[in-house]
Amino acid sequence: MRLRNNPYMNDSDISVTALVASEAFQRFCLNPTPEDKAHWEAWMKEEAGRPEMVDEAKCLILDLSEMPSSEDVKLEWNRLKAELPGWEQPVAKTRNLWSRKTWIGVAASVAAAVWLGVLLWNPSADFQWQEYATSFGETRLIELPDGTEITLNAKSSLRFDAALTQADTREVWLEGEGFFDVAHDPKHPFILHTSEGDVRVLGTSFNVFQRATQLQVTLVEGKVQLTLPDQSDFLMAPGDQVAVRDGQADQRQVETDFFTAWKTGQLVFKEVAIRDLIDRLAWEFDLKVSVERADVLNQRVNAVIPNPDPDALLKAIGEIYDLDIVQQAENTYLIR
């Protein structure tokens, strides 16, 4: 796989490691400009497999929680060259043999060398970042210094300045999905940043789901303003949901319980297309599901699972829709 005439990276073979090591890709993940977003979104559509590669590389970058010192960079760089002399070469053909822990270590070493001039998520070098992250199938409750409570869903991360309460605005950055119960403070607006848009609130409860080029904001209580690039702001009332896919936004009224049930350990699907359900399983459980028949992807599912069990869900879908679901390997399924 090659990038031709790409001003963001060299014209060379591309792998997850190469993306993580790219300063341009790091900027796209952490503090993108409109040009960055347009470039990488177009690049992902050029060949099959690129969205998955970008998603994996983006997760690895977000797993790196601290900015290394100059000495740390030097030590890590020398260790990388000593332990992995062939790191510069593409490793896409063999990366499935590596554990995720190994990948994070390699990504940290590579990214450290090019992050010296990159400021994570904000141009202020004085920020003392606090970051929390969850792995596949994990949720986590976080209380911010202002009393705001945030529940992170699986494979998500949250970042904020440790001096959150000392600024004029309370700002946090989310990648993935989280439920926000924001402490009321009219004098210090709360602003949630995602790669697809920003949510501004005073005190409220809402759910945010953000992956790749998708964003879904569901308001439970209060009032929020959703700001999207190059679009009019969305003023949301309780029960409103704004869903954004590939830059196209749609606002509607929903039953909010369906979109917050994950907090209590449930999976709830109401009229959800199988293609979206497959994406959800991949994001939350590292499940890989392929489909032989394209028409299956548009069929819609209604299901409630008390305890998240992706295997049971797939079996139920197979029985309801008379589909043959074959487990090909661990966490890998085929629907036919």
C-alpha atoms as a PDB file:
ATOM      1  CA  MET A   1       0.000   0.000   0.000  1.00  0.00           C
ATOM      2  CA  ARG A   2       1.521   3.333  -1.032  1.00  0.00           C
ATOM      3  CA  LEU A   3       0.738   7.010  -0.684  1.00  0.00           C
ATOM      4  CA  ARG A   4       1.219   8.750  -4.028  1.00  0.00           C
ATOM      5  CA  ASN A   5       1.802  12.511  -4.212  1.00  0.00           C
ATOM      6  CA  ASN A   6       0.998  12.788  -0.525  1.00  0.00           C
ATOM      7  CA  PRO A   7       2.298  16.000   1.064  1.00  0.00           C
ATOM      8  CA  TYR A   8       1.625  14.580   4.541  1.00  0.00           C
ATOM      9  CA  MET A   9       3.968  11.571   4.386  1.00  0.00           C
ATOM     10  CA  ASN A  10       6.765  10.230   2.235  1.00  0.00           C
ATOM     11  CA  ASP A  11       5.865   8.130  -0.790  1.00  0.00           C
ATOM     12  CA  SER A  12       6.622   4.853   0.959  1.00  0.00           C
ATOM     13  CA  ASP A  13       4.939   1.695   2.156  1.00  0.00           C
ATOM     14  CA  ILE A  14       2.436   2.494   4.905  1.00  0.00           C
ATOM     15  CA  SER A  15       1.859   0.527   8.097  1.00  0.00           C
ATOM     16  CA  VAL A  16       0.355   1.214  11.512  1.00  0.00           C
ATOM     17  CA  THR A  17       3.857   1.955  12.798  1.00  0.00           C
ATOM     18  CA  ALA A  18       4.494   4.459   9.987  1.00  0.00           C
ATOM     19  CA  LEU A  19       1.218   6.248  10.739  1.00  0.00           C
ATOM     20  CA  VAL A  20       1.984   6.459  14.453  1.00  0.00           C
ATOM     21  CA  ALA A  21       5.446   7.848  13.678  1.00  0.00           C
ATOM     22  CA  SER A  22       4.066  10.491  11.305  1.00  0.00           C
ATOM     23  CA  GLU A  23       3.891  13.977  12.791  1.00  0.00           C
ATOM     24  CA  ALA A  24       1.131  14.869  10.322  1.00  0.00           C
ATOM     25  CA  PHE A  25      -0.959  11.868  11.401  1.00  0.00           C
ATOM     26  CA  GLN A  26      -0.399  12.712  15.083  1.00  0.00           C
ATOM     27  CA  ARG A  27      -1.701  16.213  14.412  1.00  0.00           C
ATOM     28  CA  PHE A  28      -4.747  14.722  12.665  1.00  0.00           C
ATOM     29  CA  CYS A  29      -5.471  12.584  15.756  1.00  0.00           C
ATOM     30  CA  LEU A  30      -4.805  15.207  18.404  1.00  0.00           C
ATOM     31  CA  ASN A  31      -5.288  18.721  17.036  1.00  0.00           C
ATOM     32  CA  PRO A  32      -6.459  18.552  13.397  1.00  0.00           C
ATOM     33  CA  THR A  33      -6.950  21.446  11.021  1.00  0.00           C
ATOM     34  CA  PRO A  34      -9.802  21.303   8.465  1.00  0.00           C
ATOM     35  CA  GLU A  35      -7.178  20.507   5.808  1.00  0.00           C
ATOM     36  CA  ASP A  36      -5.826  17.606   7.876  1.00  0.00           C
ATOM     37  CA  LYS A  37      -9.303  16.141   8.323  1.00  0.00           C
ATOM     38  CA  ALA A  38     -10.159  16.475   4.637  1.00  0.00           C
ATOM     39  CA  HIS A  39      -6.895  14.832   3.590  1.00  0.00           C
ATOM     40  CA  TRP A  40      -7.017  11.794   5.889  1.00  0.00           C
ATOM     41  CA  GLU A  41     -10.738  11.176   5.414  1.00  0.00           C
ATOM     42  CA  ALA A  42     -10.219  11.137   1.647  1.00  0.00           C
ATOM     43  CA  TRP A  43      -7.164   8.897   2.008  1.00  0.00           C
ATOM     44  CA  MET A  44      -9.110   6.346   4.089  1.00  0.00           C
ATOM     45  CA  LYS A  45     -11.678   5.990   1.289  1.00  0.00           C
ATOM     46  CA  GLU A  46      -9.117   5.200  -1.409  1.00  0.00           C
ATOM     47  CA  GLU A  47      -8.464   1.560  -0.476  1.00  0.00           C
ATOM     48  CA  ALA A  48     -10.106  -1.139   1.642  1.00  0.00           C
ATOM     49  CA  GLY A  49      -8.440  -1.684   4.978  1.00  0.00           C
ATOM     50  CA  ARG A  50      -7.294   1.890   5.474  1.00  0.00           C
ATOM     51  CA  PRO A  51     -10.058   2.894   7.967  1.00  0.00           C
ATOM     52  CA  GLU A  52      -9.112  -0.057  10.181  1.00  0.00           C
ATOM     53  CA  MET A  53      -5.413   0.853   9.954  1.00  0.00           C
ATOM     54  CA  VAL A  54      -6.163   4.473  10.835  1.00  0.00           C
ATOM     55  CA  ASP A  55      -8.392   3.449  13.749  1.00  0.00           C
ATOM     56  CA  GLU A  56      -5.685   1.182  15.197  1.00  0.00           C
ATOM     57  CA  ALA A  57      -2.975   3.798  14.793  1.00  0.00           C
ATOM     58  CA  LYS A  58      -5.194   6.480  16.330  1.00  0.00           C
ATOM     59  CA  CYS A  59      -5.930   4.275  19.347  1.00  0.00           C
ATOM     60  CA  LEU A  60      -2.208   3.682  19.854  1.00  0.00           C
ATOM     61  CA  ILE A  61      -1.452   7.401  19.752  1.00  0.00           C
ATOM     62  CA  LEU A  62      -4.185   8.121  22.298  1.00  0.00           C
ATOM     63  CA  ASP A  63      -2.786   5.392  24.565  1.00  0.00           C
ATOM     64  CA  LEU A  64       0.393   7.456  24.956  1.00  0.00           C
ATOM     65  CA  SER A  65      -0.529   9.595  27.934  1.00  0.00           C
ATOM     66  CA  GLU A  66       2.540  11.655  28.737  1.00  0.00           C
ATOM     67  CA  MET A  67       4.840  13.955  26.824  1.00  0.00           C
ATOM     68  CA  PRO A  68       8.392  12.552  27.183  1.00  0.00           C
ATOM     69  CA  SER A  69      11.370  14.663  28.203  1.00  0.00           C
ATOM     70  CA  SER A  70      14.320  15.166  25.858  1.00  0.00           C
ATOM     71  CA  GLU A  71      16.358  12.623  27.794  1.00  0.00           C
ATOM     72  CA  ASP A  72      13.504  10.107  27.680  1.00  0.00           C
ATOM     73  CA  VAL A  73      13.312  10.571  23.909  1.00  0.00           C
ATOM     74  CA  LYS A  74      17.031   9.930  23.530  1.00  0.00           C
ATOM     75  CA  LEU A  75      16.925   6.799  25.697  1.00  0.00           C
ATOM     76  CA  GLU A  76      13.835   5.418  23.969  1.00  0.00           C
ATOM     77  CA  TRP A  77      15.219   6.166  20.535  1.00  0.00           C
ATOM     78  CA  ASN A  78      18.490   4.356  21.267  1.00  0.00           C
ATOM     79  CA  ARG A  79      16.625   1.423  22.819  1.00  0.00           C
ATOM     80  CA  LEU A  80      14.359   1.137  19.789  1.00  0.00           C
ATOM     81  CA  LYS A  81      17.275   1.081  17.362  1.00  0.00           C
ATOM     82  CA  ALA A  82      19.082  -1.527  19.479  1.00  0.00           C
ATOM     83  CA  GLU A  83      16.117  -3.849  20.048  1.00  0.00           C
ATOM     84  CA  LEU A  84      14.294  -3.411  16.730  1.00  0.00           C
ATOM     85  CA  PRO A  85      16.938  -2.771  14.064  1.00  0.00           C
ATOM     86  CA  GLY A  86      14.417  -3.270  11.266  1.00  0.00           C
ATOM     87  CA  TRP A  87      11.744  -0.964  12.646  1.00  0.00           C
ATOM     88  CA  GLU A  88      11.860   1.363   9.648  1.00  0.00           C
ATOM     89  CA  GLN A  89      10.590  -1.406   7.371  1.00  0.00           C
ATOM     90  CA  PRO A  90       6.851  -2.039   6.942  1.00  0.00           C
ATOM     91  CA  VAL A  91       5.554  -4.629   9.381  1.00  0.00           C
ATOM     92  CA  ALA A  92       1.930  -4.842   8.301  1.00  0.00           C
ATOM     93  CA  LYS A  93       2.278  -8.457   7.127  1.00  0.00           C
ATOM     94  CA  THR A  94       3.426  -9.681  10.546  1.00  0.00           C
ATOM     95  CA  ARG A  95       1.778  -7.303  12.990  1.00  0.00           C
ATOM     96  CA  ASN A  96      -0.986  -9.753  13.904  1.00  0.00           C
ATOM     97  CA  LEU A  97       1.651 -11.913  15.584  1.00  0.00           C
ATOM     98  CA  TRP A  98       2.452  -9.133  18.056  1.00  0.00           C
ATOM     99  CA  SER A  99       0.556  -8.442  21.256  1.00  0.00           C
ATOM    100  CA  ARG A 100      -1.133  -5.095  21.775  1.00  0.00           C
ATOM    101  CA  LYS A 101       1.284  -4.387  24.647  1.00  0.00           C
ATOM    102  CA  THR A 102       4.209  -4.792  22.270  1.00  0.00           C
ATOM    103  CA  TRP A 103       2.596  -2.467  19.717  1.00  0.00           C
ATOM    104  CA  ILE A 104       2.050   0.250  22.314  1.00  0.00           C
ATOM    105  CA  GLY A 105       5.675   0.022  23.383  1.00  0.00           C
ATOM    106  CA  VAL A 106       6.905   0.312  19.805  1.00  0.00           C
ATOM    107  CA  ALA A 107       4.510   3.145  19.043  1.00  0.00           C
ATOM    108  CA  ALA A 108       5.607   5.030  22.155  1.00  0.00           C
ATOM    109  CA  SER A 109       9.247   4.726  21.161  1.00  0.00           C
ATOM    110  CA  VAL A 110       8.679   5.862  17.590  1.00  0.00           C
ATOM    111  CA  ALA A 111       6.284   8.666  18.460  1.00  0.00           C
ATOM    112  CA  ALA A 112       8.535  10.026  21.200  1.00  0.00           C
ATOM    113  CA  ALA A 113      11.177  10.942  18.658  1.00  0.00           C
ATOM    114  CA  VAL A 114       8.831  13.110  16.607  1.00  0.00           C
ATOM    115  CA  TRP A 115       6.615  14.579  19.323  1.00  0.00           C
ATOM    116  CA  LEU A 116       9.142  17.036  20.734  1.00  0.00           C
ATOM    117  CA  GLY A 117       7.562  19.939  18.841  1.00  0.00           C
ATOM    118  CA  VAL A 118       3.945  18.736  18.937  1.00  0.00           C
ATOM    119  CA  LEU A 119       1.684  20.136  21.656  1.00  0.00           C
ATOM    120  CA  LEU A 120      -1.058  17.669  22.523  1.00  0.00           C
ATOM    121  CA  TRP A 121      -4.587  18.941  21.913  1.00  0.00           C
ATOM    122  CA  ASN A 122      -3.847  22.566  22.875  1.00  0.00           C
ATOM    123  CA  PRO A 123      -1.144  25.130  22.072  1.00  0.00           C
ATOM    124  CA  SER A 124      -0.408  25.856  25.757  1.00  0.00           C
ATOM    125  CA  ALA A 125       2.830  24.237  26.919  1.00  0.00           C
ATOM    126  CA  ASP A 126       1.882  24.986  30.546  1.00  0.00           C
ATOM    127  CA  PHE A 127      -0.867  22.381  30.680  1.00  0.00           C
ATOM    128  CA  GLN A 128      -0.400  19.453  33.068  1.00  0.00           C
ATOM    129  CA  TRP A 129      -2.397  16.768  31.320  1.00  0.00           C
ATOM    130  CA  GLN A 130      -4.506  14.199  33.116  1.00  0.00           C
ATOM    131  CA  GLU A 131      -5.614  11.308  30.925  1.00  0.00           C
ATOM    132  CA  TYR A 132      -7.802   8.280  31.496  1.00  0.00           C
ATOM    133  CA  ALA A 133      -8.403   5.412  29.071  1.00  0.00           C
ATOM    134  CA  THR A 134     -10.377   2.176  28.937  1.00  0.00           C
ATOM    135  CA  SER A 135      -9.629  -1.048  27.104  1.00  0.00           C
ATOM    136  CA  PHE A 136     -11.956  -3.375  25.182  1.00  0.00           C
ATOM    137  CA  GLY A 137     -15.038  -4.332  27.230  1.00  0.00           C
ATOM    138  CA  GLU A 138     -14.162  -1.950  30.108  1.00  0.00           C
ATOM    139  CA  THR A 139     -16.029   1.064  31.567  1.00  0.00           C
ATOM    140  CA  ARG A 140     -14.673   3.574  34.067  1.00  0.00           C
ATOM    141  CA  LEU A 141     -16.134   6.323  36.279  1.00  0.00           C
ATOM    142  CA  ILE A 142     -14.070   9.527  36.506  1.00  0.00           C
ATOM    143  CA  GLU A 143     -14.732  12.537  38.753  1.00  0.00           C
ATOM    144  CA  LEU A 144     -13.228  15.834  37.601  1.00  0.00           C
ATOM    145  CA  PRO A 145     -11.913  18.461  40.066  1.00  0.00           C
ATOM    146  CA  ASP A 146     -15.115  20.528  39.576  1.00  0.00           C
ATOM    147  CA  GLY A 147     -17.365  17.623  40.592  1.00  0.00           C
ATOM    148  CA  THR A 148     -18.351  16.638  37.049  1.00  0.00           C
ATOM    149  CA  GLU A 149     -18.738  12.855  36.687  1.00  0.00           C
ATOM    150  CA  ILE A 150     -17.858  11.115  33.440  1.00  0.00           C
ATOM    151  CA  THR A 151     -18.375   7.442  32.654  1.00  0.00           C
ATOM    152  CA  LEU A 152     -16.067   6.239  29.882  1.00  0.00           C
ATOM    153  CA  ASN A 153     -17.259   3.385  27.710  1.00  0.00           C
ATOM    154  CA  ALA A 154     -14.970   0.723  26.239  1.00  0.00           C
ATOM    155  CA  LYS A 155     -11.904   1.743  24.203  1.00  0.00           C
ATOM    156  CA  SER A 156     -12.233   5.423  24.973  1.00  0.00           C
ATOM    157  CA  SER A 157      -9.976   8.116  26.384  1.00  0.00           C
ATOM    158  CA  LEU A 158     -10.441  11.417  28.204  1.00  0.00           C
ATOM    159  CA  ARG A 159      -7.905  14.230  28.545  1.00  0.00           C
ATOM    160  CA  PHE A 160      -8.015  17.482  30.557  1.00  0.00           C
ATOM    161  CA  ASP A 161      -5.771  19.982  32.304  1.00  0.00           C
ATOM    162  CA  ALA A 162      -5.125  19.252  35.981  1.00  0.00           C
ATOM    163  CA  ALA A 163      -5.831  22.958  36.652  1.00  0.00           C
ATOM    164  CA  LEU A 164      -9.332  22.584  35.210  1.00  0.00           C
ATOM    165  CA  THR A 165     -11.029  24.707  37.872  1.00  0.00           C
ATOM    166  CA  GLN A 166      -8.572  27.602  37.569  1.00  0.00           C
ATOM    167  CA  ALA A 167      -9.457  28.525  33.975  1.00  0.00           C
ATOM    168  CA  ASP A 168     -12.325  30.635  32.645  1.00  0.00           C
ATOM    169  CA  THR A 169     -13.700  27.584  30.829  1.00  0.00           C
ATOM    170  CA  ARG A 170     -13.648  23.923  31.813  1.00  0.00           C
ATOM    171  CA  GLU A 171     -12.343  22.075  28.751  1.00  0.00           C
ATOM    172  CA  VAL A 172     -11.948  18.323  28.187  1.00  0.00           C
ATOM    173  CA  TRP A 173     -11.143  16.186  25.142  1.00  0.00           C
ATOM    174  CA  LEU A 174     -12.839  12.866  24.362  1.00  0.00           C
ATOM    175  CA  GLU A 175     -12.044  10.045  21.975  1.00  0.00           C
ATOM    176  CA  GLY A 176     -14.633   7.247  21.974  1.00  0.00           C
ATOM    177  CA  GLU A 177     -17.802   7.296  24.091  1.00  0.00           C
ATOM    178  CA  GLY A 178     -18.637   8.843  27.428  1.00  0.00           C
ATOM    179  CA  PHE A 179     -21.628   9.867  29.549  1.00  0.00           C
ATOM    180  CA  PHE A 180     -21.252  13.326  31.105  1.00  0.00           C
ATOM    181  CA  ASP A 181     -22.990  14.569  34.278  1.00  0.00           C
ATOM    182  CA  VAL A 182     -21.650  18.127  34.338  1.00  0.00           C
ATOM    183  CA  ALA A 183     -21.466  20.119  37.568  1.00  0.00           C
ATOM    184  CA  HIS A 184     -23.461  23.358  37.258  1.00  0.00           C
ATOM    185  CA  ASP A 185     -21.254  26.461  37.120  1.00  0.00           C
ATOM    186  CA  PRO A 186     -22.637  29.299  34.946  1.00  0.00           C
ATOM    187  CA  LYS A 187     -19.474  31.367  35.362  1.00  0.00           C
ATOM    188  CA  HIS A 188     -17.258  28.615  33.946  1.00  0.00           C
ATOM    189  CA  PRO A 189     -18.809  26.999  30.838  1.00  0.00           C
ATOM    190  CA  PHE A 190     -17.962  23.359  30.212  1.00  0.00           C
ATOM    191  CA  ILE A 191     -16.639  22.583  26.727  1.00  0.00           C
ATOM    192  CA  LEU A 192     -16.172  19.056  25.400  1.00  0.00           C
ATOM    193  CA  HIS A 193     -13.900  18.753  22.367  1.00  0.00           C
ATOM    194  CA  THR A 194     -13.999  15.869  19.880  1.00  0.00           C
ATOM    195  CA  SER A 195     -12.299  15.545  16.515  1.00  0.00           C
ATOM    196  CA  GLU A 196     -15.675  16.096  14.808  1.00  0.00           C
ATOM    197  CA  GLY A 197     -17.127  18.961  16.850  1.00  0.00           C
ATOM    198  CA  ASP A 198     -17.451  20.678  20.238  1.00  0.00           C
ATOM    199  CA  VAL A 199     -20.215  20.552  22.872  1.00  0.00           C
ATOM    200  CA  ARG A 200     -20.705  23.618  25.118  1.00  0.00           C
ATOM    201  CA  VAL A 201     -22.758  23.304  28.333  1.00  0.00           C
ATOM    202  CA  LEU A 202     -23.358  24.951  31.717  1.00  0.00           C
ATOM    203  CA  GLY A 203     -24.667  21.969  33.656  1.00  0.00           C
ATOM    204  CA  THR A 204     -26.352  18.961  32.105  1.00  0.00           C
ATOM    205  CA  SER A 205     -26.272  15.224  31.373  1.00  0.00           C
ATOM    206  CA  PHE A 206     -25.505  13.898  27.917  1.00  0.00           C
ATOM    207  CA  ASN A 207     -23.927  10.998  26.064  1.00  0.00           C
ATOM    208  CA  VAL A 208     -21.267  11.420  23.385  1.00  0.00           C
ATOM    209  CA  PHE A 209     -20.158   8.716  20.967  1.00  0.00           C
ATOM    210  CA  GLN A 210     -17.256   9.577  18.647  1.00  0.00           C
ATOM    211  CA  ARG A 211     -15.298   7.182  16.438  1.00  0.00           C
ATOM    212  CA  ALA A 212     -13.436   7.921  13.202  1.00  0.00           C
ATOM    213  CA  THR A 213     -15.689  10.341  11.251  1.00  0.00           C
ATOM    214  CA  GLN A 214     -18.822   9.636  13.323  1.00  0.00           C
ATOM    215  CA  LEU A 215     -20.204  11.748  16.178  1.00  0.00           C
ATOM    216  CA  GLN A 216     -23.409  11.202  18.119  1.00  0.00           C
ATOM    217  CA  VAL A 217     -24.542  13.533  20.917  1.00  0.00           C
ATOM    218  CA  THR A 218     -27.613  12.541  22.953  1.00  0.00           C
ATOM    219  CA  LEU A 219     -28.938  15.040  25.511  1.00  0.00           C
ATOM    220  CA  VAL A 220     -30.601  13.619  28.642  1.00  0.00           C
ATOM    221  CA  GLU A 221     -31.024  16.763  30.785  1.00  0.00           C
ATOM    222  CA  GLY A 222     -30.308  20.473  30.446  1.00  0.00           C
ATOM    223  CA  LYS A 223     -29.311  22.308  27.303  1.00  0.00           C
ATOM    224  CA  VAL A 224     -26.197  22.164  25.109  1.00  0.00           C
ATOM    225  CA  GLN A 225     -24.835  23.819  22.004  1.00  0.00           C
ATOM    226  CA  LEU A 226     -23.095  21.573  19.487  1.00  0.00           C
ATOM    227  CA  THR A 227     -20.599  23.294  17.207  1.00  0.00           C
ATOM    228  CA  LEU A 228     -19.537  21.519  14.011  1.00  0.00           C
ATOM    229  CA  PRO A 229     -16.984  22.752  11.466  1.00  0.00           C
ATOM    230  CA  ASP A 230     -18.497  24.715   8.561  1.00  0.00           C
ATOM    231  CA  GLN A 231     -22.073  24.256   9.830  1.00  0.00           C
ATOM    232  CA  SER A 232     -24.607  26.188  11.885  1.00  0.00           C
ATOM    233  CA  ASP A 233     -24.614  25.447  15.608  1.00  0.00           C
ATOM    234  CA  PHE A 234     -27.162  22.939  16.955  1.00  0.00           C
ATOM    235  CA  LEU A 235     -29.085  23.986  20.091  1.00  0.00           C
ATOM    236  CA  MET A 236     -30.245  20.803  21.815  1.00  0.00           C
ATOM    237  CA  ALA A 237     -33.050  20.179  24.307  1.00  0.00           C
ATOM    238  CA  PRO A 238     -33.605  17.006  26.411  1.00  0.00           C
ATOM    239  CA  GLY A 239     -34.294  14.018  24.190  1.00  0.00           C
ATOM    240  CA  ASP A 240     -32.522  15.546  21.202  1.00  0.00           C
ATOM    241  CA  GLN A 241     -29.826  13.637  19.372  1.00  0.00           C
ATOM    242  CA  VAL A 242     -27.512  14.973  16.682  1.00  0.00           C
ATOM    243  CA  ALA A 243     -25.768  12.279  14.642  1.00  0.00           C
ATOM    244  CA  VAL A 244     -22.893  13.177  12.329  1.00  0.00           C
ATOM    245  CA  ARG A 245     -21.464  10.780   9.739  1.00  0.00           C
ATOM    246  CA  ASP A 246     -18.852  11.882   7.217  1.00  0.00           C
ATOM    247  CA  GLY A 247     -19.644  15.532   7.862  1.00  0.00           C
ATOM    248  CA  GLN A 248     -23.432  15.194   7.396  1.00  0.00           C
ATOM    249  CA  ALA A 249     -25.492  16.057  10.498  1.00  0.00           C
ATOM    250  CA  ASP A 250     -29.037  14.974  11.399  1.00  0.00           C
ATOM    251  CA  GLN A 251     -31.041  16.096  14.478  1.00  0.00           C
ATOM    252  CA  ARG A 252     -33.954  14.087  15.866  1.00  0.00           C
ATOM    253  CA  GLN A 253     -35.819  13.122  19.053  1.00  0.00           C
ATOM    254  CA  VAL A 254     -34.887   9.752  20.601  1.00  0.00           C
ATOM    255  CA  GLU A 255     -35.500   7.622  23.676  1.00  0.00           C
ATOM    256  CA  THR A 256     -32.298   8.441  25.534  1.00  0.00           C
ATOM    257  CA  ASP A 257     -32.320   5.228  27.596  1.00  0.00           C
ATOM    258  CA  PHE A 258     -31.346   3.238  24.524  1.00  0.00           C
ATOM    259  CA  PHE A 259     -28.160   5.286  24.176  1.00  0.00           C
ATOM    260  CA  THR A 260     -27.107   5.287  27.827  1.00  0.00           C
ATOM    261  CA  ALA A 261     -27.869   1.663  28.773  1.00  0.00           C
ATOM    262  CA  TRP A 262     -24.193   0.730  28.378  1.00  0.00           C
ATOM    263  CA  LYS A 263     -23.550   2.479  31.724  1.00  0.00           C
ATOM    264  CA  THR A 264     -25.439  -0.320  33.501  1.00  0.00           C
ATOM    265  CA  GLY A 265     -23.707  -3.116  31.584  1.00  0.00           C
ATOM    266  CA  GLN A 266     -26.371  -3.578  28.930  1.00  0.00           C
ATOM    267  CA  LEU A 267     -26.297  -3.613  25.160  1.00  0.00           C
ATOM    268  CA  VAL A 268     -29.519  -2.175  23.715  1.00  0.00           C
ATOM    269  CA  PHE A 269     -30.221  -2.045  19.992  1.00  0.00           C
ATOM    270  CA  LYS A 270     -33.416  -0.581  18.518  1.00  0.00           C
ATOM    271  CA  GLU A 271     -33.784  -0.575  14.745  1.00  0.00           C
ATOM    272  CA  VAL A 272     -29.991  -0.624  14.401  1.00  0.00           C
ATOM    273  CA  ALA A 273     -28.545  -1.674  11.032  1.00  0.00           C
ATOM    274  CA  ILE A 274     -26.358  -4.770  11.221  1.00  0.00           C
ATOM    275  CA  ARG A 275     -23.480  -2.792   9.654  1.00  0.00           C
ATOM    276  CA  ASP A 276     -23.599  -0.352  12.619  1.00  0.00           C
ATOM    277  CA  LEU A 277     -23.917  -3.189  15.092  1.00  0.00           C
ATOM    278  CA  ILE A 278     -20.799  -4.828  13.611  1.00  0.00           C
ATOM    279  CA  ASP A 279     -18.911  -1.545  13.938  1.00  0.00           C
ATOM    280  CA  ARG A 280     -19.987  -1.288  17.574  1.00  0.00           C
ATOM    281  CA  LEU A 281     -18.765  -4.789  18.378  1.00  0.00           C
ATOM    282  CA  ALA A 282     -15.433  -4.056  16.718  1.00  0.00           C
ATOM    283  CA  TRP A 283     -14.954  -0.823  18.681  1.00  0.00           C
ATOM    284  CA  GLU A 284     -15.974  -2.161  22.086  1.00  0.00           C
ATOM    285  CA  PHE A 285     -14.852  -5.810  22.021  1.00  0.00           C
ATOM    286  CA  ASP A 286     -12.133  -5.997  19.346  1.00  0.00           C
ATOM    287  CA  LEU A 287     -14.425  -8.315  17.390  1.00  0.00           C
ATOM    288  CA  LYS A 288     -13.869  -8.800  13.651  1.00  0.00           C
ATOM    289  CA  VAL A 289     -17.017  -9.684  11.687  1.00  0.00           C
ATOM    290  CA  SER A 290     -17.161 -10.035   7.912  1.00  0.00           C
ATOM    291  CA  VAL A 291     -20.302 -10.530   5.809  1.00  0.00           C
ATOM    292  CA  GLU A 292     -20.593 -12.442   2.532  1.00  0.00           C
ATOM    293  CA  ARG A 293     -23.955 -10.934   1.499  1.00  0.00           C
ATOM    294  CA  ALA A 294     -24.105  -7.149   1.230  1.00  0.00           C
ATOM    295  CA  ASP A 295     -27.903  -7.090   1.686  1.00  0.00           C
ATOM    296  CA  VAL A 296     -27.490  -8.401   5.233  1.00  0.00           C
ATOM    297  CA  LEU A 297     -25.740  -5.197   6.326  1.00  0.00           C
ATOM    298  CA  ASN A 298     -28.888  -3.076   5.966  1.00  0.00           C
ATOM    299  CA  GLN A 299     -31.166  -5.393   7.973  1.00  0.00           C
ATOM    300  CA  ARG A 300     -32.174  -3.861  11.306  1.00  0.00           C
ATOM    301  CA  VAL A 301     -31.914  -5.406  14.749  1.00  0.00           C
ATOM    302  CA  ASN A 302     -33.898  -5.011  17.976  1.00  0.00           C
ATOM    303  CA  ALA A 303     -32.182  -6.600  20.951  1.00  0.00           C
ATOM    304  CA  VAL A 304     -31.495  -6.143  24.665  1.00  0.00           C
ATOM    305  CA  ILE A 305     -28.620  -8.060  26.259  1.00  0.00           C
ATOM    306  CA  PRO A 306     -28.394  -7.750  30.088  1.00  0.00           C
ATOM    307  CA  ASN A 307     -24.718  -8.605  30.229  1.00  0.00           C
ATOM    308  CA  PRO A 308     -22.637  -7.625  27.192  1.00  0.00           C
ATOM    309  CA  ASP A 309     -21.833 -10.876  25.426  1.00  0.00           C
ATOM    310  CA  PRO A 310     -20.967 -10.392  21.752  1.00  0.00           C
ATOM    311  CA  ASP A 311     -20.966 -14.138  21.088  1.00  0.00           C
ATOM    312  CA  ALA A 312     -24.540 -14.469  22.358  1.00  0.00           C
ATOM    313  CA  LEU A 313     -25.610 -11.435  20.340  1.00  0.00           C
ATOM    314  CA  LEU A 314     -24.239 -12.851  17.099  1.00  0.00           C
ATOM    315  CA  LYS A 315     -25.890 -16.210  17.739  1.00  0.00           C
ATOM    316  CA  ALA A 316     -29.211 -14.455  18.372  1.00  0.00           C
ATOM    317  CA  ILE A 317     -28.904 -12.491  15.139  1.00  0.00           C
ATOM    318  CA  GLY A 318     -28.200 -15.713  13.281  1.00  0.00           C
ATOM    319  CA  GLU A 319     -31.329 -17.374  14.657  1.00  0.00           C
ATOM    320  CA  ILE A 320     -33.624 -14.375  14.092  1.00  0.00           C
ATOM    321  CA  TYR A 321     -32.552 -13.704  10.526  1.00  0.00           C
ATOM    322  CA  ASP A 322     -31.750 -17.305   9.539  1.00  0.00           C
ATOM    323  CA  LEU A 323     -28.076 -16.488   8.967  1.00  0.00           C
ATOM    324  CA  ASP A 324     -25.139 -18.849   9.201  1.00  0.00           C
ATOM    325  CA  ILE A 325     -22.569 -17.362  11.594  1.00  0.00           C
ATOM    326  CA  VAL A 326     -19.217 -19.131  11.658  1.00  0.00           C
ATOM    327  CA  GLN A 327     -16.441 -18.465  14.157  1.00  0.00           C
ATOM    328  CA  GLN A 328     -13.238 -18.576  12.117  1.00  0.00           C
ATOM    329  CA  ALA A 329     -10.808 -17.764  14.913  1.00  0.00           C
ATOM    330  CA  GLU A 330     -10.752 -16.065  18.290  1.00  0.00           C
ATOM    331  CA  ASN A 331     -12.792 -12.844  18.021  1.00  0.00           C
ATOM    332  CA  THR A 332     -13.244 -13.427  14.263  1.00  0.00           C
ATOM    333  CA  TYR A 333     -16.612 -14.303  12.680  1.00  0.00           C
ATOM    334  CA  LEU A 334     -18.147 -14.699   9.241  1.00  0.00           C
ATOM    335  CA  ILE A 335     -21.848 -14.047   8.510  1.00  0.00           C
ATOM    336  CA  ARG A 336     -23.169 -15.789   5.407  1.00  0.00           C
END
